Structures are given as structure tokens and as C-alpha cells.
Amino acid sequence: MRSLALALAVIAAPLATAGAASITDNFDDNSFDASLWTVINDGSGITVAEVNQRVEVALAADAAGAFFGGYRSNAVFSGDLDVEVSYTLLDWPSTNGVRVGLSLVTGWQPSAFWNVERISGGTIEAFDEVYITDYNTLIGAHVATADTAGRLRIARSGSTISAWYWQDDAWSLLRSEPESSGDVSIAFAAWSEDAYFGNELVRVGFDDVSIVPLPGTAIGLLTGLAAALVRARGRKG
């Protein structure tokens, strides 16, 4: 999905200074906060609105090209950080070809983003409903899911980026590997393109965003704990 990679990278235009403070937003006031966010909306048939105490992204059945919609942080973050967002699949036909993701992004290049995603595989993909990671256009192992609501998380410790999804009241680690230590902005979005899109209305809600810069030791401990929980759950299974 290289054209999708390029489209998503567009959300990473440089903005504010690095080393920003924590950000939390539950969107309960239904009022767009331009001091925190920039709306990202590209391609035809995409609407992004802060309504119903969340950010709703709609991809019309006739959306075309490589298209996406969501929010990007105005702030740029350096060093270690931990980011979360909740999602709800409001209209979600089977094999709709849409990706719902939380991202760390650094620039305009396709090799400048790291995503954790909840997706519905398009008709030409080898998987259906899954959680998956996409680091610099390199897809990670996917995990089947029937979740219609949940939470995504991505964190950086030093040059290691880790990604999780929330399931059964615990974080499940999807991927952790050395990737990047540069400045990043944060984005959450829904996107697709012609080759994958099922040409049916898709609507997604985002809520309860948390962006927390942390000391390296704190993220290291969180990553280690998450990995230990995954191993323990595997032994019990």
C-alpha cells in the first residue's frame, strides 16, 4: 500500500517546537481546539468533524484516490513518549479496506511513520479483521479481532518503538523494535485507497487521546511489563 504510505506521511508537515508537554483531549466540548490539533483531510469523499463528544471520520462510498482523515498534533515531540487513543467503528462493512490508525510521524517521506492499526482487509488482501503494525511501509504480524471498539497505543523508548492494542482488560504487545529517535508529531486517522476500498460508507469515532512524554526508564518499564504480561498469558493459554 505504498500510495497509502505516501498519503499518510503528508500528515507530518513540521510545525511546533520539539519537547512538548503532555496532551489529553476527550473532545467533550464538541469544539475543535486549533491550539492542539490540525485537521488532516485529503482525497474526495472524506469528512472530519468533532461531534458527539468525539472526532468522527466518514469515508463516503464514492471516496476515491488515496484518501484519509483525522487529526495531527501541532506539537512535535522529542525523546520518549507514550500515546493512546480510543476508537469506535460506527459503520464498518466487512472487507471494507479501511485502516484506523494511531501514528508517530516525522516527515513527508513514506519511510517516516510508525502506525498501530485496526483494519478491515480489502478484497485483495490476505487477511480480514485484524490489528496490525506498519513501520516505514513494513507490515508487522497481524492478529485477528472482532473488536468494534477498543484502544490503540504506541510508545517510543530511545530508538525503540512499540505498539499495543487493548483487549481483555490488558495491553497486548504487537511489535517492538529499534526504529527512530527523531522528532515526531502524533496523528490518528482513518484511510484507504481505490485498490483496497470496498466502496461502502465507513464511519469511525476517535476519543480520549493521551500523549505523554516520559523518561526513558518509565517507558522501558512499561514495555517490559507489557511483554511479561503477553508471555504470561501465552503460558496460561
Protein backbone atom coordinates (compact mmCIF):
# COMPACT_ATOMS: atom_id res chain seq x y z
CA MET A 1 0.00 0.00 0.00
CA ARG A 2 2.77 2.40 -0.94
CA SER A 3 0.44 5.17 -2.11
CA LEU A 4 -1.30 4.95 1.25
CA ALA A 5 2.10 5.25 2.89
CA LEU A 6 2.80 8.41 0.95
CA ALA A 7 -0.64 9.81 1.73
CA LEU A 8 -0.30 9.18 5.44
CA ALA A 9 3.14 10.75 5.50
CA VAL A 10 1.58 14.04 4.38
CA ILE A 11 0.20 14.50 7.89
CA ALA A 12 3.71 15.03 9.19
CA ALA A 13 4.49 18.56 8.00
CA PRO A 14 6.81 20.23 10.54
CA LEU A 15 5.03 22.50 12.99
CA ALA A 16 5.73 23.39 16.61
CA THR A 17 8.85 23.04 18.70
CA ALA A 18 10.05 19.66 19.95
CA GLY A 19 9.94 18.66 23.59
CA ALA A 20 6.25 19.50 24.01
CA ALA A 21 4.25 18.90 27.18
CA SER A 22 1.61 16.22 27.73
CA ILE A 23 -1.67 16.45 25.84
CA THR A 24 -5.00 14.90 26.81
CA ASP A 25 -8.27 15.55 24.99
CA ASN A 26 -11.65 13.86 25.38
CA PHE A 27 -13.40 16.15 22.84
CA ASP A 28 -16.38 16.51 25.19
CA ASP A 29 -16.93 20.16 24.25
CA ASN A 30 -17.55 19.32 20.58
CA SER A 31 -15.31 22.26 19.70
CA PHE A 32 -12.17 21.92 17.60
CA ASP A 33 -9.07 23.09 19.53
CA ALA A 34 -6.78 24.67 16.94
CA SER A 35 -4.11 25.18 19.58
CA LEU A 36 -3.65 21.41 19.86
CA TRP A 37 -4.65 19.91 16.53
CA THR A 38 -4.61 20.29 12.77
CA VAL A 39 -7.34 18.55 10.76
CA ILE A 40 -5.91 16.22 8.14
CA ASN A 41 -8.27 15.62 5.24
CA ASP A 42 -7.12 14.54 1.81
CA GLY A 43 -8.84 12.93 -1.14
CA SER A 44 -12.50 13.04 -2.15
CA GLY A 45 -15.41 11.89 -0.01
CA ILE A 46 -13.82 12.46 3.42
CA THR A 47 -15.38 14.38 6.31
CA VAL A 48 -13.81 15.04 9.71
CA ALA A 49 -15.94 16.57 12.48
CA GLU A 50 -15.76 16.95 16.25
CA VAL A 51 -19.29 15.87 17.20
CA ASN A 52 -20.99 13.56 19.71
CA GLN A 53 -18.10 14.22 22.12
CA ARG A 54 -15.55 12.57 19.82
CA VAL A 55 -13.82 13.05 16.48
CA GLU A 56 -15.79 11.34 13.72
CA VAL A 57 -14.25 10.48 10.37
CA ALA A 58 -16.53 9.41 7.50
CA LEU A 59 -15.35 7.84 4.24
CA ALA A 60 -18.15 8.05 1.69
CA ALA A 61 -18.92 5.11 -0.57
CA ASP A 62 -17.66 7.12 -3.53
CA ALA A 63 -14.39 8.22 -1.88
CA ALA A 64 -11.62 7.98 -4.45
CA GLY A 65 -7.87 8.11 -4.84
CA ALA A 66 -5.69 7.70 -1.77
CA PHE A 67 -7.80 9.32 0.96
CA PHE A 68 -7.61 9.85 4.71
CA GLY A 69 -9.00 11.98 7.51
CA GLY A 70 -8.21 12.64 11.16
CA TYR A 71 -6.18 14.89 13.47
CA ARG A 72 -2.46 15.61 13.77
CA SER A 73 -0.84 17.22 16.79
CA ASN A 74 0.51 20.73 16.33
CA ALA A 75 3.19 19.88 18.87
CA VAL A 76 6.33 17.97 17.91
CA PHE A 77 7.81 15.59 20.47
CA SER A 78 11.41 14.62 21.08
CA GLY A 79 12.61 11.76 23.26
CA ASP A 80 10.50 9.07 24.88
CA LEU A 81 6.72 9.20 24.83
CA ASP A 82 3.60 7.10 25.26
CA VAL A 83 0.46 7.72 23.16
CA GLU A 84 -3.05 6.26 23.31
CA VAL A 85 -6.39 6.77 21.56
CA SER A 86 -9.79 5.07 21.77
CA TYR A 87 -11.70 4.15 18.63
CA THR A 88 -15.25 3.06 17.80
CA LEU A 89 -16.27 1.53 14.47
CA LEU A 90 -19.58 3.29 13.83
CA ASP A 91 -20.27 1.98 10.31
CA TRP A 92 -17.98 -0.89 9.40
CA PRO A 93 -18.98 -3.19 6.49
CA SER A 94 -16.98 -6.39 6.05
CA THR A 95 -13.84 -6.28 3.90
CA ASN A 96 -14.19 -2.51 3.60
CA GLY A 97 -10.45 -1.96 3.07
CA VAL A 98 -10.16 0.85 5.65
CA ARG A 99 -7.34 1.30 8.16
CA VAL A 100 -7.87 3.01 11.51
CA GLY A 101 -4.55 4.03 12.98
CA LEU A 102 -2.51 5.83 15.61
CA SER A 103 0.80 7.15 14.27
CA LEU A 104 4.15 8.68 15.08
CA VAL A 105 5.24 10.72 12.06
CA THR A 106 8.40 12.65 11.24
CA GLY A 107 8.28 13.93 7.68
CA TRP A 108 6.93 13.74 4.16
CA GLN A 109 8.67 10.52 3.15
CA PRO A 110 6.89 7.14 3.13
CA SER A 111 9.70 5.89 5.42
CA ALA A 112 8.84 8.43 8.11
CA PHE A 113 5.89 6.98 10.03
CA TRP A 114 5.06 4.23 12.52
CA ASN A 115 1.47 3.01 12.86
CA VAL A 116 -0.60 0.69 15.00
CA GLU A 117 -3.86 -0.08 13.20
CA ARG A 118 -7.26 -1.75 13.43
CA ILE A 119 -8.19 -2.64 9.87
CA SER A 120 -10.61 -4.47 7.65
CA GLY A 121 -8.67 -6.22 4.92
CA GLY A 122 -9.66 -5.23 1.41
CA THR A 123 -10.70 -7.75 -1.20
CA ILE A 124 -7.12 -8.16 -2.47
CA GLU A 125 -5.50 -8.68 0.95
CA ALA A 126 -4.75 -11.99 2.63
CA PHE A 127 -6.44 -11.11 5.96
CA ASP A 128 -9.81 -9.89 7.18
CA GLU A 129 -10.42 -8.06 10.51
CA VAL A 130 -7.08 -7.58 12.28
CA TYR A 131 -4.80 -5.47 14.42
CA ILE A 132 -1.52 -4.80 12.64
CA THR A 133 1.55 -2.56 12.66
CA ASP A 134 3.09 -0.65 9.76
CA TYR A 135 6.57 0.74 10.39
CA ASN A 136 8.02 2.61 7.41
CA THR A 137 5.83 0.59 4.99
CA LEU A 138 6.96 -2.71 6.59
CA ILE A 139 3.87 -4.58 7.77
CA GLY A 140 4.13 -6.50 11.04
CA ALA A 141 2.39 -9.66 12.17
CA HIS A 142 -1.39 -9.33 12.28
CA VAL A 143 -3.78 -10.52 14.99
CA ALA A 144 -7.38 -11.42 14.16
CA THR A 145 -10.08 -9.49 16.02
CA ALA A 146 -13.81 -8.91 16.12
CA ASP A 147 -13.49 -5.71 18.18
CA THR A 148 -15.77 -2.87 17.14
CA ALA A 149 -14.35 -0.57 19.82
CA GLY A 150 -11.04 -0.50 21.61
CA ARG A 151 -7.86 1.36 22.28
CA LEU A 152 -4.56 1.66 20.40
CA ARG A 153 -1.20 2.56 21.92
CA ILE A 154 2.25 3.33 20.56
CA ALA A 155 5.35 4.34 22.52
CA ARG A 156 8.97 5.18 21.97
CA SER A 157 11.88 4.44 24.30
CA GLY A 158 15.20 5.63 22.93
CA SER A 159 15.14 4.41 19.34
CA THR A 160 12.72 1.53 20.02
CA ILE A 161 9.07 1.87 19.00
CA SER A 162 6.46 -0.46 20.49
CA ALA A 163 2.77 -0.88 19.67
CA TRP A 164 -0.15 -2.44 21.55
CA TYR A 165 -3.90 -2.96 21.34
CA TRP A 166 -6.25 -3.18 24.34
CA GLN A 167 -8.09 -6.47 24.77
CA ASP A 168 -9.46 -8.46 27.73
CA ASP A 169 -8.64 -5.61 30.14
CA ALA A 170 -4.94 -5.64 29.30
CA TRP A 171 -2.47 -4.30 26.74
CA SER A 172 -1.31 -6.87 24.19
CA LEU A 173 2.05 -6.18 22.56
CA LEU A 174 2.02 -6.35 18.75
CA ARG A 175 5.55 -5.23 17.90
CA SER A 176 8.67 -3.73 19.45
CA GLU A 177 11.88 -3.00 17.57
CA PRO A 178 14.57 -0.31 17.03
CA GLU A 179 13.27 2.28 14.59
CA SER A 180 13.72 6.01 15.22
CA SER A 181 14.84 8.60 17.74
CA GLY A 182 13.92 11.74 15.76
CA ASP A 183 11.29 14.37 16.50
CA VAL A 184 7.72 13.20 15.86
CA SER A 185 4.20 14.55 15.75
CA ILE A 186 1.18 12.40 16.61
CA ALA A 187 -1.77 11.55 14.37
CA PHE A 188 -4.91 9.43 14.46
CA ALA A 189 -6.82 8.84 11.26
CA ALA A 190 -8.84 6.53 9.02
CA TRP A 191 -7.69 5.94 5.45
CA SER A 192 -7.86 3.76 2.34
CA GLU A 193 -7.35 3.88 -1.43
CA ASP A 194 -9.04 2.68 -4.59
CA ALA A 195 -7.32 -0.71 -4.83
CA TYR A 196 -8.49 -1.73 -1.33
CA PHE A 197 -11.62 0.28 -0.59
CA GLY A 198 -14.94 -1.62 -0.65
CA ASN A 199 -16.96 1.43 -1.83
CA GLU A 200 -19.30 1.39 1.15
CA LEU A 201 -19.79 4.10 3.77
CA VAL A 202 -17.36 3.74 6.69
CA ARG A 203 -17.52 5.88 9.84
CA VAL A 204 -15.07 5.81 12.74
CA GLY A 205 -15.01 7.69 16.05
CA PHE A 206 -11.87 8.65 17.98
CA ASP A 207 -11.80 9.68 21.63
CA ASP A 208 -9.72 10.06 24.80
CA VAL A 209 -6.34 10.91 23.31
CA SER A 210 -3.35 10.88 25.65
CA ILE A 211 0.16 11.96 24.64
CA VAL A 212 2.66 11.70 27.49
CA PRO A 213 6.41 12.41 27.20
CA LEU A 214 8.19 10.11 29.66
CA PRO A 215 11.69 9.43 30.97
CA GLY A 216 13.33 6.52 29.19
CA THR A 217 13.23 4.35 32.29
CA ALA A 218 9.46 4.79 32.59
CA ILE A 219 8.71 3.61 29.05
CA GLY A 220 11.25 0.83 29.40
CA LEU A 221 9.43 -0.45 32.46
CA LEU A 222 6.05 -0.19 30.74
CA THR A 223 7.32 -2.03 27.67
CA GLY A 224 8.89 -4.75 29.79
CA LEU A 225 5.72 -5.16 31.83
CA ALA A 226 3.58 -5.43 28.71
CA ALA A 227 5.90 -8.07 27.24
CA ALA A 228 5.85 -10.01 30.51
CA LEU A 229 2.04 -9.95 30.55
CA VAL A 230 1.94 -11.26 26.99
CA ARG A 231 4.33 -14.10 27.86
CA ALA A 232 2.34 -14.96 31.00
CA ARG A 233 -0.91 -15.03 29.09
CA GLY A 234 0.70 -17.25 26.45
CA ARG A 235 1.78 -19.77 29.09
CA LYS A 236 -1.72 -19.85 30.58
CA GLY A 237 -3.18 -20.48 27.11
